[in-house]
Amino acid sequence: MEYNADNVFAKIIRGEIPCNKIYEDEFALAFYDIAPKAKVHALVIAKAMVVDFADFIEHSTADEIEGYMRAIVKVTEILNVNETGYRIVFNSGPDSGQEVPHLHAHILGGEKLQTENL
């Protein structure tokens, strides 16, 4: 799938659409999900213009990959879920339920999470 620079997350990165920001650095932007699936539900979107996890790994530098992953950890610390536990979900492609074709991780926590679909 080709990257579409007009997707909603690209517009959020450019400041064209507002978000409830948690954290931002040169590699990532994190904000609260507008339709939370857990007590704590944040999205960490890559600033790289990539569609999904495979695209990110294939087309990013080692510094970009490390910076994005470190941003995810930083967000878990800010959200205070790093000690009680959290789930990180990357959806890739239509069968996974990926709604926006831009790499993003869901961080879910703040409560005991269900495991029936794992």
PDB file of N, CA and C in Angstrom:
ATOM      1  N   MET A   1       0.842  -1.182   0.000  1.00  0.00           N
ATOM      2  CA  MET A   1       0.000   0.000   0.000  1.00  0.00           C
ATOM      3  C   MET A   1       0.888   1.246   0.000  1.00  0.00           C
ATOM      4  N   GLU A   2       0.563   2.182  -0.824  1.00  0.00           N
ATOM      5  CA  GLU A   2       1.303   3.436  -0.911  1.00  0.00           C
ATOM      6  C   GLU A   2       0.854   4.397   0.186  1.00  0.00           C
ATOM      7  N   TYR A   3       1.799   5.137   0.737  1.00  0.00           N
ATOM      8  CA  TYR A   3       1.497   6.089   1.797  1.00  0.00           C
ATOM      9  C   TYR A   3       0.684   7.269   1.257  1.00  0.00           C
ATOM     10  N   ASN A   4      -0.358   7.648   1.988  1.00  0.00           N
ATOM     11  CA  ASN A   4      -1.210   8.788   1.632  1.00  0.00           C
ATOM     12  C   ASN A   4      -0.962   9.914   2.637  1.00  0.00           C
ATOM     13  N   ALA A   5      -0.315  10.978   2.206  1.00  0.00           N
ATOM     14  CA  ALA A   5       0.043  12.090   3.091  1.00  0.00           C
ATOM     15  C   ALA A   5      -1.158  12.889   3.568  1.00  0.00           C
ATOM     16  N   ASP A   6      -2.353  12.561   3.118  1.00  0.00           N
ATOM     17  CA  ASP A   6      -3.557  13.248   3.580  1.00  0.00           C
ATOM     18  C   ASP A   6      -4.333  12.433   4.612  1.00  0.00           C
ATOM     19  N   ASN A   7      -3.741  11.367   5.150  1.00  0.00           N
ATOM     20  CA  ASN A   7      -4.446  10.604   6.182  1.00  0.00           C
ATOM     21  C   ASN A   7      -4.551  11.432   7.464  1.00  0.00           C
ATOM     22  N   VAL A   8      -5.475  11.048   8.316  1.00  0.00           N
ATOM     23  CA  VAL A   8      -5.779  11.843   9.510  1.00  0.00           C
ATOM     24  C   VAL A   8      -4.559  12.006  10.423  1.00  0.00           C
ATOM     25  N   PHE A   9      -3.717  10.990  10.548  1.00  0.00           N
ATOM     26  CA  PHE A   9      -2.555  11.110  11.430  1.00  0.00           C
ATOM     27  C   PHE A   9      -1.508  12.052  10.850  1.00  0.00           C
ATOM     28  N   ALA A  10      -1.333  12.044   9.548  1.00  0.00           N
ATOM     29  CA  ALA A  10      -0.419  13.004   8.921  1.00  0.00           C
ATOM     30  C   ALA A  10      -0.911  14.428   9.166  1.00  0.00           C
ATOM     31  N   LYS A  11      -2.222  14.627   9.108  1.00  0.00           N
ATOM     32  CA  LYS A  11      -2.794  15.948   9.377  1.00  0.00           C
ATOM     33  C   LYS A  11      -2.610  16.353  10.830  1.00  0.00           C
ATOM     34  N   ILE A  12      -2.692  15.394  11.749  1.00  0.00           N
ATOM     35  CA  ILE A  12      -2.452  15.693  13.173  1.00  0.00           C
ATOM     36  C   ILE A  12      -0.990  16.089  13.370  1.00  0.00           C
ATOM     37  N   ILE A  13      -0.061  15.353  12.766  1.00  0.00           N
ATOM     38  CA  ILE A  13       1.364  15.685  12.875  1.00  0.00           C
ATOM     39  C   ILE A  13       1.625  17.106  12.369  1.00  0.00           C
ATOM     40  N   ARG A  14       0.995  17.481  11.263  1.00  0.00           N
ATOM     41  CA  ARG A  14       1.185  18.821  10.689  1.00  0.00           C
ATOM     42  C   ARG A  14       0.433  19.905  11.463  1.00  0.00           C
ATOM     43  N   GLY A  15      -0.379  19.542  12.440  1.00  0.00           N
ATOM     44  CA  GLY A  15      -1.126  20.517  13.229  1.00  0.00           C
ATOM     45  C   GLY A  15      -2.413  20.978  12.572  1.00  0.00           C
ATOM     46  N   GLU A  16      -2.843  20.296  11.533  1.00  0.00           N
ATOM     47  CA  GLU A  16      -4.082  20.660  10.833  1.00  0.00           C
ATOM     48  C   GLU A  16      -5.320  20.164  11.571  1.00  0.00           C
ATOM     49  N   ILE A  17      -5.153  19.127  12.377  1.00  0.00           N
ATOM     50  CA  ILE A  17      -6.222  18.582  13.208  1.00  0.00           C
ATOM     51  C   ILE A  17      -5.696  18.534  14.637  1.00  0.00           C
ATOM     52  N   PRO A  18      -6.465  19.010  15.612  1.00  0.00           N
ATOM     53  CA  PRO A  18      -5.979  19.002  16.997  1.00  0.00           C
ATOM     54  C   PRO A  18      -6.025  17.602  17.608  1.00  0.00           C
ATOM     55  N   CYS A  19      -5.252  17.422  18.664  1.00  0.00           N
ATOM     56  CA  CYS A  19      -5.275  16.176  19.427  1.00  0.00           C
ATOM     57  C   CYS A  19      -5.020  16.511  20.894  1.00  0.00           C
ATOM     58  N   ASN A  20      -5.338  15.575  21.751  1.00  0.00           N
ATOM     59  CA  ASN A  20      -5.087  15.715  23.186  1.00  0.00           C
ATOM     60  C   ASN A  20      -3.700  15.122  23.446  1.00  0.00           C
ATOM     61  N   LYS A  21      -2.677  15.953  23.220  1.00  0.00           N
ATOM     62  CA  LYS A  21      -1.284  15.502  23.189  1.00  0.00           C
ATOM     63  C   LYS A  21      -0.782  15.063  24.559  1.00  0.00           C
ATOM     64  N   ILE A  22      -0.056  13.962  24.543  1.00  0.00           N
ATOM     65  CA  ILE A  22       0.612  13.429  25.729  1.00  0.00           C
ATOM     66  C   ILE A  22       2.106  13.692  25.655  1.00  0.00           C
ATOM     67  N   TYR A  23       2.680  13.485  24.466  1.00  0.00           N
ATOM     68  CA  TYR A  23       4.131  13.553  24.298  1.00  0.00           C
ATOM     69  C   TYR A  23       4.453  13.770  22.826  1.00  0.00           C
ATOM     70  N   GLU A  24       5.570  14.467  22.589  1.00  0.00           N
ATOM     71  CA  GLU A  24       6.040  14.632  21.216  1.00  0.00           C
ATOM     72  C   GLU A  24       7.547  14.798  21.216  1.00  0.00           C
ATOM     73  N   ASP A  25       8.186  14.178  20.242  1.00  0.00           N
ATOM     74  CA  ASP A  25       9.600  14.396  19.993  1.00  0.00           C
ATOM     75  C   ASP A  25       9.821  14.309  18.481  1.00  0.00           C
ATOM     76  N   GLU A  26      11.064  14.207  18.055  1.00  0.00           N
ATOM     77  CA  GLU A  26      11.339  14.213  16.617  1.00  0.00           C
ATOM     78  C   GLU A  26      10.879  12.940  15.902  1.00  0.00           C
ATOM     79  N   PHE A  27      10.598  11.864  16.659  1.00  0.00           N
ATOM     80  CA  PHE A  27      10.230  10.585  16.064  1.00  0.00           C
ATOM     81  C   PHE A  27       8.755  10.225  16.187  1.00  0.00           C
ATOM     82  N   ALA A  28       8.067  10.812  17.169  1.00  0.00           N
ATOM     83  CA  ALA A  28       6.710  10.355  17.472  1.00  0.00           C
ATOM     84  C   ALA A  28       5.856  11.465  18.069  1.00  0.00           C
ATOM     85  N   LEU A  29       4.567  11.260  17.952  1.00  0.00           N
ATOM     86  CA  LEU A  29       3.568  12.110  18.594  1.00  0.00           C
ATOM     87  C   LEU A  29       2.575  11.177  19.267  1.00  0.00           C
ATOM     88  N   ALA A  30       2.328  11.390  20.553  1.00  0.00           N
ATOM     89  CA  ALA A  30       1.395  10.547  21.303  1.00  0.00           C
ATOM     90  C   ALA A  30       0.227  11.386  21.787  1.00  0.00           C
ATOM     91  N   PHE A  31      -0.957  10.787  21.733  1.00  0.00           N
ATOM     92  CA  PHE A  31      -2.164  11.471  22.189  1.00  0.00           C
ATOM     93  C   PHE A  31      -3.197  10.434  22.614  1.00  0.00           C
ATOM     94  N   TYR A  32      -4.210  10.890  23.338  1.00  0.00           N
ATOM     95  CA  TYR A  32      -5.264   9.993  23.798  1.00  0.00           C
ATOM     96  C   TYR A  32      -6.177   9.599  22.644  1.00  0.00           C
ATOM     97  N   ASP A  33      -6.565   8.324  22.612  1.00  0.00           N
ATOM     98  CA  ASP A  33      -7.476   7.813  21.591  1.00  0.00           C
ATOM     99  C   ASP A  33      -8.863   8.415  21.822  1.00  0.00           C
ATOM    100  N   ILE A  34      -9.546   8.808  20.754  1.00  0.00           N
ATOM    101  CA  ILE A  34     -10.870   9.432  20.888  1.00  0.00           C
ATOM    102  C   ILE A  34     -11.970   8.398  21.141  1.00  0.00           C
ATOM    103  N   ALA A  35     -11.660   7.121  20.965  1.00  0.00           N
ATOM    104  CA  ALA A  35     -12.622   6.047  21.251  1.00  0.00           C
ATOM    105  C   ALA A  35     -11.915   4.979  22.084  1.00  0.00           C
ATOM    106  N   PRO A  36     -11.618   5.273  23.351  1.00  0.00           N
ATOM    107  CA  PRO A  36     -10.786   4.372  24.157  1.00  0.00           C
ATOM    108  C   PRO A  36     -11.397   2.984  24.353  1.00  0.00           C
ATOM    109  N   LYS A  37     -10.507   1.994  24.325  1.00  0.00           N
ATOM    110  CA  LYS A  37     -10.887   0.595  24.544  1.00  0.00           C
ATOM    111  C   LYS A  37     -10.429   0.100  25.913  1.00  0.00           C
ATOM    112  N   ALA A  38      -9.815   0.965  26.703  1.00  0.00           N
ATOM    113  CA  ALA A  38      -9.359   0.648  28.056  1.00  0.00           C
ATOM    114  C   ALA A  38      -9.352   1.957  28.847  1.00  0.00           C
ATOM    115  N   LYS A  39      -9.179   1.836  30.160  1.00  0.00           N
ATOM    116  CA  LYS A  39      -9.145   3.030  31.013  1.00  0.00           C
ATOM    117  C   LYS A  39      -8.083   4.021  30.518  1.00  0.00           C
ATOM    118  N   VAL A  40      -6.948   3.481  30.133  1.00  0.00           N
ATOM    119  CA  VAL A  40      -5.895   4.285  29.502  1.00  0.00           C
ATOM    120  C   VAL A  40      -5.736   3.761  28.081  1.00  0.00           C
ATOM    121  N   HIS A  41      -5.899   4.642  27.098  1.00  0.00           N
ATOM    122  CA  HIS A  41      -5.723   4.245  25.699  1.00  0.00           C
ATOM    123  C   HIS A  41      -5.110   5.419  24.952  1.00  0.00           C
ATOM    124  N   ALA A  42      -3.847   5.256  24.605  1.00  0.00           N
ATOM    125  CA  ALA A  42      -3.122   6.288  23.875  1.00  0.00           C
ATOM    126  C   ALA A  42      -2.644   5.733  22.544  1.00  0.00           C
ATOM    127  N   LEU A  43      -2.452   6.628  21.604  1.00  0.00           N
ATOM    128  CA  LEU A  43      -1.858   6.282  20.314  1.00  0.00           C
ATOM    129  C   LEU A  43      -0.493   6.945  20.241  1.00  0.00           C
ATOM    130  N   VAL A  44       0.471   6.220  19.734  1.00  0.00           N
ATOM    131  CA  VAL A  44       1.802   6.776  19.477  1.00  0.00           C
ATOM    132  C   VAL A  44       2.020   6.633  17.983  1.00  0.00           C
ATOM    133  N   ILE A  45       1.974   7.765  17.280  1.00  0.00           N
ATOM    134  CA  ILE A  45       2.126   7.727  15.828  1.00  0.00           C
ATOM    135  C   ILE A  45       3.554   8.111  15.448  1.00  0.00           C
ATOM    136  N   ALA A  46       4.062   7.404  14.468  1.00  0.00           N
ATOM    137  CA  ALA A  46       5.407   7.693  13.971  1.00  0.00           C
ATOM    138  C   ALA A  46       5.369   8.969  13.141  1.00  0.00           C
ATOM    139  N   LYS A  47       6.415   9.738  13.208  1.00  0.00           N
ATOM    140  CA  LYS A  47       6.510  10.914  12.343  1.00  0.00           C
ATOM    141  C   LYS A  47       7.007  10.527  10.949  1.00  0.00           C
ATOM    142  N   ALA A  48       7.529   9.317  10.825  1.00  0.00           N
ATOM    143  CA  ALA A  48       7.916   8.806   9.506  1.00  0.00           C
ATOM    144  C   ALA A  48       6.654   8.579   8.680  1.00  0.00           C
ATOM    145  N   MET A  49       6.758   8.789   7.390  1.00  0.00           N
ATOM    146  CA  MET A  49       5.607   8.593   6.499  1.00  0.00           C
ATOM    147  C   MET A  49       5.589   7.144   6.031  1.00  0.00           C
ATOM    148  N   VAL A  50       5.090   6.282   6.921  1.00  0.00           N
ATOM    149  CA  VAL A  50       5.031   4.846   6.646  1.00  0.00           C
ATOM    150  C   VAL A  50       3.643   4.317   6.990  1.00  0.00           C
ATOM    151  N   VAL A  51       3.220   3.302   6.264  1.00  0.00           N
ATOM    152  CA  VAL A  51       1.858   2.779   6.366  1.00  0.00           C
ATOM    153  C   VAL A  51       1.654   1.894   7.592  1.00  0.00           C
ATOM    154  N   ASP A  52       2.616   0.992   7.845  1.00  0.00           N
ATOM    155  CA  ASP A  52       2.438   0.028   8.924  1.00  0.00           C
ATOM    156  C   ASP A  52       3.801  -0.412   9.441  1.00  0.00           C
ATOM    157  N   PHE A  53       3.788  -1.397  10.347  1.00  0.00           N
ATOM    158  CA  PHE A  53       5.017  -1.828  11.003  1.00  0.00           C
ATOM    159  C   PHE A  53       6.058  -2.337  10.002  1.00  0.00           C
ATOM    160  N   ALA A  54       5.643  -3.181   9.062  1.00  0.00           N
ATOM    161  CA  ALA A  54       6.591  -3.720   8.081  1.00  0.00           C
ATOM    162  C   ALA A  54       7.197  -2.608   7.232  1.00  0.00           C
ATOM    163  N   ASP A  55       6.379  -1.653   6.807  1.00  0.00           N
ATOM    164  CA  ASP A  55       6.843  -0.518   6.020  1.00  0.00           C
ATOM    165  C   ASP A  55       7.848   0.307   6.832  1.00  0.00           C
ATOM    166  N   PHE A  56       7.553   0.486   8.109  1.00  0.00           N
ATOM    167  CA  PHE A  56       8.429   1.235   9.014  1.00  0.00           C
ATOM    168  C   PHE A  56       9.794   0.562   9.128  1.00  0.00           C
ATOM    169  N   ILE A  57       9.804  -0.728   9.393  1.00  0.00           N
ATOM    170  CA  ILE A  57      11.069  -1.449   9.554  1.00  0.00           C
ATOM    171  C   ILE A  57      11.862  -1.447   8.245  1.00  0.00           C
ATOM    172  N   GLU A  58      11.185  -1.612   7.136  1.00  0.00           N
ATOM    173  CA  GLU A  58      11.853  -1.688   5.836  1.00  0.00           C
ATOM    174  C   GLU A  58      12.436  -0.345   5.385  1.00  0.00           C
ATOM    175  N   HIS A  59      11.766   0.762   5.719  1.00  0.00           N
ATOM    176  CA  HIS A  59      12.156   2.053   5.157  1.00  0.00           C
ATOM    177  C   HIS A  59      12.712   3.066   6.159  1.00  0.00           C
ATOM    178  N   SER A  60      12.927   2.671   7.395  1.00  0.00           N
ATOM    179  CA  SER A  60      13.423   3.604   8.408  1.00  0.00           C
ATOM    180  C   SER A  60      14.861   3.296   8.781  1.00  0.00           C
ATOM    181  N   THR A  61      15.530   4.315   9.281  1.00  0.00           N
ATOM    182  CA  THR A  61      16.894   4.133   9.774  1.00  0.00           C
ATOM    183  C   THR A  61      16.845   3.508  11.167  1.00  0.00           C
ATOM    184  N   ALA A  62      17.987   2.998  11.588  1.00  0.00           N
ATOM    185  CA  ALA A  62      18.082   2.434  12.938  1.00  0.00           C
ATOM    186  C   ALA A  62      17.751   3.504  13.983  1.00  0.00           C
ATOM    187  N   ASP A  63      18.186   4.738  13.761  1.00  0.00           N
ATOM    188  CA  ASP A  63      17.889   5.827  14.704  1.00  0.00           C
ATOM    189  C   ASP A  63      16.392   6.110  14.774  1.00  0.00           C
ATOM    190  N   GLU A  64      15.704   6.065  13.636  1.00  0.00           N
ATOM    191  CA  GLU A  64      14.258   6.304  13.618  1.00  0.00           C
ATOM    192  C   GLU A  64      13.501   5.188  14.342  1.00  0.00           C
ATOM    193  N   ILE A  65      13.923   3.959  14.127  1.00  0.00           N
ATOM    194  CA  ILE A  65      13.276   2.823  14.795  1.00  0.00           C
ATOM    195  C   ILE A  65      13.501   2.909  16.301  1.00  0.00           C
ATOM    196  N   GLU A  66      14.744   3.126  16.700  1.00  0.00           N
ATOM    197  CA  GLU A  66      15.042   3.233  18.126  1.00  0.00           C
ATOM    198  C   GLU A  66      14.311   4.414  18.752  1.00  0.00           C
ATOM    199  N   GLY A  67      14.315   5.563  18.085  1.00  0.00           N
ATOM    200  CA  GLY A  67      13.654   6.749  18.626  1.00  0.00           C
ATOM    201  C   GLY A  67      12.169   6.538  18.815  1.00  0.00           C
ATOM    202  N   TYR A  68      11.520   5.881  17.855  1.00  0.00           N
ATOM    203  CA  TYR A  68      10.083   5.616  17.962  1.00  0.00           C
ATOM    204  C   TYR A  68       9.791   4.660  19.113  1.00  0.00           C
ATOM    205  N   MET A  69      10.575   3.599  19.228  1.00  0.00           N
ATOM    206  CA  MET A  69      10.356   2.634  20.309  1.00  0.00           C
ATOM    207  C   MET A  69      10.608   3.269  21.675  1.00  0.00           C
ATOM    208  N   ARG A  70      11.625   4.103  21.762  1.00  0.00           N
ATOM    209  CA  ARG A  70      11.883   4.804  23.035  1.00  0.00           C
ATOM    210  C   ARG A  70      10.741   5.762  23.371  1.00  0.00           C
ATOM    211  N   ALA A  71      10.148   6.377  22.364  1.00  0.00           N
ATOM    212  CA  ALA A  71       9.002   7.264  22.599  1.00  0.00           C
ATOM    213  C   ALA A  71       7.834   6.478  23.188  1.00  0.00           C
ATOM    214  N   ILE A  72       7.610   5.265  22.697  1.00  0.00           N
ATOM    215  CA  ILE A  72       6.539   4.433  23.242  1.00  0.00           C
ATOM    216  C   ILE A  72       6.781   4.184  24.731  1.00  0.00           C
ATOM    217  N   VAL A  73       8.009   3.829  25.095  1.00  0.00           N
ATOM    218  CA  VAL A  73       8.332   3.586  26.501  1.00  0.00           C
ATOM    219  C   VAL A  73       8.129   4.860  27.323  1.00  0.00           C
ATOM    220  N   LYS A  74       8.546   5.990  26.796  1.00  0.00           N
ATOM    221  CA  LYS A  74       8.375   7.273  27.500  1.00  0.00           C
ATOM    222  C   LYS A  74       6.889   7.534  27.775  1.00  0.00           C
ATOM    223  N   VAL A  75       6.032   7.240  26.815  1.00  0.00           N
ATOM    224  CA  VAL A  75       4.596   7.454  26.986  1.00  0.00           C
ATOM    225  C   VAL A  75       4.044   6.539  28.083  1.00  0.00           C
ATOM    226  N   THR A  76       4.506   5.283  28.150  1.00  0.00           N
ATOM    227  CA  THR A  76       4.037   4.401  29.227  1.00  0.00           C
ATOM    228  C   THR A  76       4.416   4.961  30.590  1.00  0.00           C
ATOM    229  N   GLU A  77       5.564   5.608  30.666  1.00  0.00           N
ATOM    230  CA  GLU A  77       5.989   6.228  31.921  1.00  0.00           C
ATOM    231  C   GLU A  77       5.118   7.437  32.255  1.00  0.00           C
ATOM    232  N   ILE A  78       4.860   8.279  31.277  1.00  0.00           N
ATOM    233  CA  ILE A  78       4.015   9.462  31.487  1.00  0.00           C
ATOM    234  C   ILE A  78       2.616   9.044  31.935  1.00  0.00           C
ATOM    235  N   LEU A  79       2.097   7.959  31.361  1.00  0.00           N
ATOM    236  CA  LEU A  79       0.751   7.488  31.681  1.00  0.00           C
ATOM    237  C   LEU A  79       0.695   6.674  32.976  1.00  0.00           C
ATOM    238  N   ASN A  80       1.844   6.439  33.587  1.00  0.00           N
ATOM    239  CA  ASN A  80       1.936   5.678  34.834  1.00  0.00           C
ATOM    240  C   ASN A  80       1.397   4.257  34.711  1.00  0.00           C
ATOM    241  N   VAL A  81       1.624   3.624  33.566  1.00  0.00           N
ATOM    242  CA  VAL A  81       1.229   2.228  33.398  1.00  0.00           C
ATOM    243  C   VAL A  81       2.447   1.311  33.319  1.00  0.00           C
ATOM    244  N   ASN A  82       3.633   1.884  33.372  1.00  0.00           N
ATOM    245  CA  ASN A  82       4.852   1.102  33.195  1.00  0.00           C
ATOM    246  C   ASN A  82       5.089   0.106  34.328  1.00  0.00           C
ATOM    247  N   GLU A  83       4.545   0.342  35.502  1.00  0.00           N
ATOM    248  CA  GLU A  83       4.747  -0.599  36.608  1.00  0.00           C
ATOM    249  C   GLU A  83       3.587  -1.578  36.757  1.00  0.00           C
ATOM    250  N   THR A  84       2.359  -1.156  36.461  1.00  0.00           N
ATOM    251  CA  THR A  84       1.200  -2.040  36.615  1.00  0.00           C
ATOM    252  C   THR A  84       0.979  -2.919  35.403  1.00  0.00           C
ATOM    253  N   GLY A  85       1.470  -2.513  34.254  1.00  0.00           N
ATOM    254  CA  GLY A  85       1.355  -3.302  33.042  1.00  0.00           C
ATOM    255  C   GLY A  85       0.536  -2.605  31.973  1.00  0.00           C
ATOM    256  N   TYR A  86       0.825  -2.949  30.743  1.00  0.00           N
ATOM    257  CA  TYR A  86       0.156  -2.337  29.596  1.00  0.00           C
ATOM    258  C   TYR A  86       0.281  -3.278  28.405  1.00  0.00           C
ATOM    259  N   ARG A  87      -0.496  -2.989  27.402  1.00  0.00           N
ATOM    260  CA  ARG A  87      -0.463  -3.743  26.154  1.00  0.00           C
ATOM    261  C   ARG A  87      -0.113  -2.766  25.037  1.00  0.00           C
ATOM    262  N   ILE A  88       0.752  -3.189  24.132  1.00  0.00           N
ATOM    263  CA  ILE A  88       1.072  -2.415  22.939  1.00  0.00           C
ATOM    264  C   ILE A  88       0.535  -3.193  21.746  1.00  0.00           C
ATOM    265  N   VAL A  89      -0.263  -2.526  20.914  1.00  0.00           N
ATOM    266  CA  VAL A  89      -0.866  -3.186  19.753  1.00  0.00           C
ATOM    267  C   VAL A  89      -0.502  -2.400  18.496  1.00  0.00           C
ATOM    268  N   PHE A  90       0.017  -3.120  17.511  1.00  0.00           N
ATOM    269  CA  PHE A  90       0.223  -2.588  16.169  1.00  0.00           C
ATOM    270  C   PHE A  90      -0.728  -3.340  15.249  1.00  0.00           C
ATOM    271  N   ASN A  91      -1.643  -2.654  14.620  1.00  0.00           N
ATOM    272  CA  ASN A  91      -2.499  -3.268  13.619  1.00  0.00           C
ATOM    273  C   ASN A  91      -1.885  -3.006  12.247  1.00  0.00           C
ATOM    274  N   SER A  92      -1.842  -4.043  11.411  1.00  0.00           N
ATOM    275  CA  SER A  92      -1.273  -3.894  10.072  1.00  0.00           C
ATOM    276  C   SER A  92      -2.218  -4.508   9.053  1.00  0.00           C
ATOM    277  N   GLY A  93      -2.801  -3.666   8.221  1.00  0.00           N
ATOM    278  CA  GLY A  93      -3.660  -4.138   7.147  1.00  0.00           C
ATOM    279  C   GLY A  93      -5.120  -4.267   7.535  1.00  0.00           C
ATOM    280  N   PRO A  94      -5.967  -4.437   6.536  1.00  0.00           N
ATOM    281  CA  PRO A  94      -7.416  -4.448   6.760  1.00  0.00           C
ATOM    282  C   PRO A  94      -7.904  -5.588   7.645  1.00  0.00           C
ATOM    283  N   ASP A  95      -7.309  -6.777   7.566  1.00  0.00           N
ATOM    284  CA  ASP A  95      -7.772  -7.887   8.397  1.00  0.00           C
ATOM    285  C   ASP A  95      -7.484  -7.672   9.879  1.00  0.00           C
ATOM    286  N   SER A  96      -6.545  -6.805  10.199  1.00  0.00           N
ATOM    287  CA  SER A  96      -6.203  -6.531  11.601  1.00  0.00           C
ATOM    288  C   SER A  96      -7.115  -5.484  12.225  1.00  0.00           C
ATOM    289  N   GLY A  97      -7.829  -4.754  11.379  1.00  0.00           N
ATOM    290  CA  GLY A  97      -8.647  -3.655  11.884  1.00  0.00           C
ATOM    291  C   GLY A  97      -7.950  -2.307  11.808  1.00  0.00           C
ATOM    292  N   GLN A  98      -6.808  -2.237  11.114  1.00  0.00           N
ATOM    293  CA  GLN A  98      -6.121  -0.956  10.964  1.00  0.00           C
ATOM    294  C   GLN A  98      -7.035   0.005  10.211  1.00  0.00           C
ATOM    295  N   GLU A  99      -7.364   1.120  10.856  1.00  0.00           N
ATOM    296  CA  GLU A  99      -8.275   2.093  10.253  1.00  0.00           C
ATOM    297  C   GLU A  99      -7.550   3.231   9.556  1.00  0.00           C
ATOM    298  N   VAL A 100      -6.376   3.586  10.046  1.00  0.00           N
ATOM    299  CA  VAL A 100      -5.604   4.682   9.456  1.00  0.00           C
ATOM    300  C   VAL A 100      -4.300   4.106   8.915  1.00  0.00           C
ATOM    301  N   PRO A 101      -4.024   4.275   7.623  1.00  0.00           N
ATOM    302  CA  PRO A 101      -2.819   3.709   7.025  1.00  0.00           C
ATOM    303  C   PRO A 101      -1.570   4.549   7.314  1.00  0.00           C
ATOM    304  N   HIS A 102      -1.245   4.635   8.592  1.00  0.00           N
ATOM    305  CA  HIS A 102      -0.063   5.356   9.077  1.00  0.00           C
ATOM    306  C   HIS A 102       0.375   4.610  10.334  1.00  0.00           C
ATOM    307  N   LEU A 103       1.660   4.271  10.434  1.00  0.00           N
ATOM    308  CA  LEU A 103       2.136   3.491  11.582  1.00  0.00           C
ATOM    309  C   LEU A 103       1.746   4.142  12.894  1.00  0.00           C
ATOM    310  N   HIS A 104       1.092   3.367  13.741  1.00  0.00           N
ATOM    311  CA  HIS A 104       0.754   3.828  15.086  1.00  0.00           C
ATOM    312  C   HIS A 104       0.633   2.638  16.017  1.00  0.00           C
ATOM    313  N   ALA A 105       1.008   2.867  17.256  1.00  0.00           N
ATOM    314  CA  ALA A 105       0.882   1.862  18.303  1.00  0.00           C
ATOM    315  C   ALA A 105      -0.207   2.309  19.256  1.00  0.00           C
ATOM    316  N   HIS A 106      -1.013   1.355  19.687  1.00  0.00           N
ATOM    317  CA  HIS A 106      -1.993   1.594  20.733  1.00  0.00           C
ATOM    318  C   HIS A 106      -1.356   1.162  22.048  1.00  0.00           C
ATOM    319  N   ILE A 107      -1.411   2.008  23.061  1.00  0.00           N
ATOM    320  CA  ILE A 107      -1.001   1.635  24.410  1.00  0.00           C
ATOM    321  C   ILE A 107      -2.274   1.550  25.226  1.00  0.00           C
ATOM    322  N   LEU A 108      -2.530   0.368  25.779  1.00  0.00           N
ATOM    323  CA  LEU A 108      -3.729   0.140  26.581  1.00  0.00           C
ATOM    324  C   LEU A 108      -3.318  -0.284  27.981  1.00  0.00           C
ATOM    325  N   GLY A 109      -3.985   0.256  28.988  1.00  0.00           N
ATOM    326  CA  GLY A 109      -3.661  -0.111  30.362  1.00  0.00           C
ATOM    327  C   GLY A 109      -4.562   0.596  31.340  1.00  0.00           C
ATOM    328  N   GLY A 110      -4.060   0.704  32.573  1.00  0.00           N
ATOM    329  CA  GLY A 110      -4.808   1.384  33.620  1.00  0.00           C
ATOM    330  C   GLY A 110      -5.836   0.500  34.296  1.00  0.00           C
ATOM    331  N   GLU A 111      -5.919  -0.755  33.857  1.00  0.00           N
ATOM    332  CA  GLU A 111      -6.862  -1.717  34.426  1.00  0.00           C
ATOM    333  C   GLU A 111      -6.436  -3.115  33.970  1.00  0.00           C
ATOM    334  N   LYS A 112      -7.038  -4.138  34.555  1.00  0.00           N
ATOM    335  CA  LYS A 112      -6.775  -5.508  34.120  1.00  0.00           C
ATOM    336  C   LYS A 112      -7.404  -5.691  32.742  1.00  0.00           C
ATOM    337  N   LEU A 113      -6.588  -6.078  31.767  1.00  0.00           N
ATOM    338  CA  LEU A 113      -7.054  -6.219  30.389  1.00  0.00           C
ATOM    339  C   LEU A 113      -7.493  -7.649  30.119  1.00  0.00           C
ATOM    340  N   GLN A 114      -8.486  -7.792  29.262  1.00  0.00           N
ATOM    341  CA  GLN A 114      -8.972  -9.115  28.864  1.00  0.00           C
ATOM    342  C   GLN A 114      -7.961  -9.779  27.925  1.00  0.00           C
ATOM    343  N   THR A 115      -7.954 -11.092  27.928  1.00  0.00           N
ATOM    344  CA  THR A 115      -6.986 -11.817  27.114  1.00  0.00           C
ATOM    345  C   THR A 115      -7.617 -12.845  26.180  1.00  0.00           C
ATOM    346  N   GLU A 116      -8.922 -12.860  26.044  1.00  0.00           N
ATOM    347  CA  GLU A 116      -9.579 -13.920  25.270  1.00  0.00           C
ATOM    348  C   GLU A 116      -9.206 -13.945  23.794  1.00  0.00           C
ATOM    349  N   ASN A 117      -8.785 -12.849  23.210  1.00  0.00           N
ATOM    350  CA  ASN A 117      -8.430 -12.831  21.788  1.00  0.00           C
ATOM    351  C   ASN A 117      -6.922 -12.868  21.543  1.00  0.00           C
ATOM    352  N   LEU A 118      -6.155 -13.160  22.559  1.00  0.00           N
ATOM    353  CA  LEU A 118      -4.695 -13.190  22.377  1.00  0.00           C
ATOM    354  C   LEU A 118      -4.223 -14.572  22.010  1.00  0.00           C
TER     355      LEU A 118
END
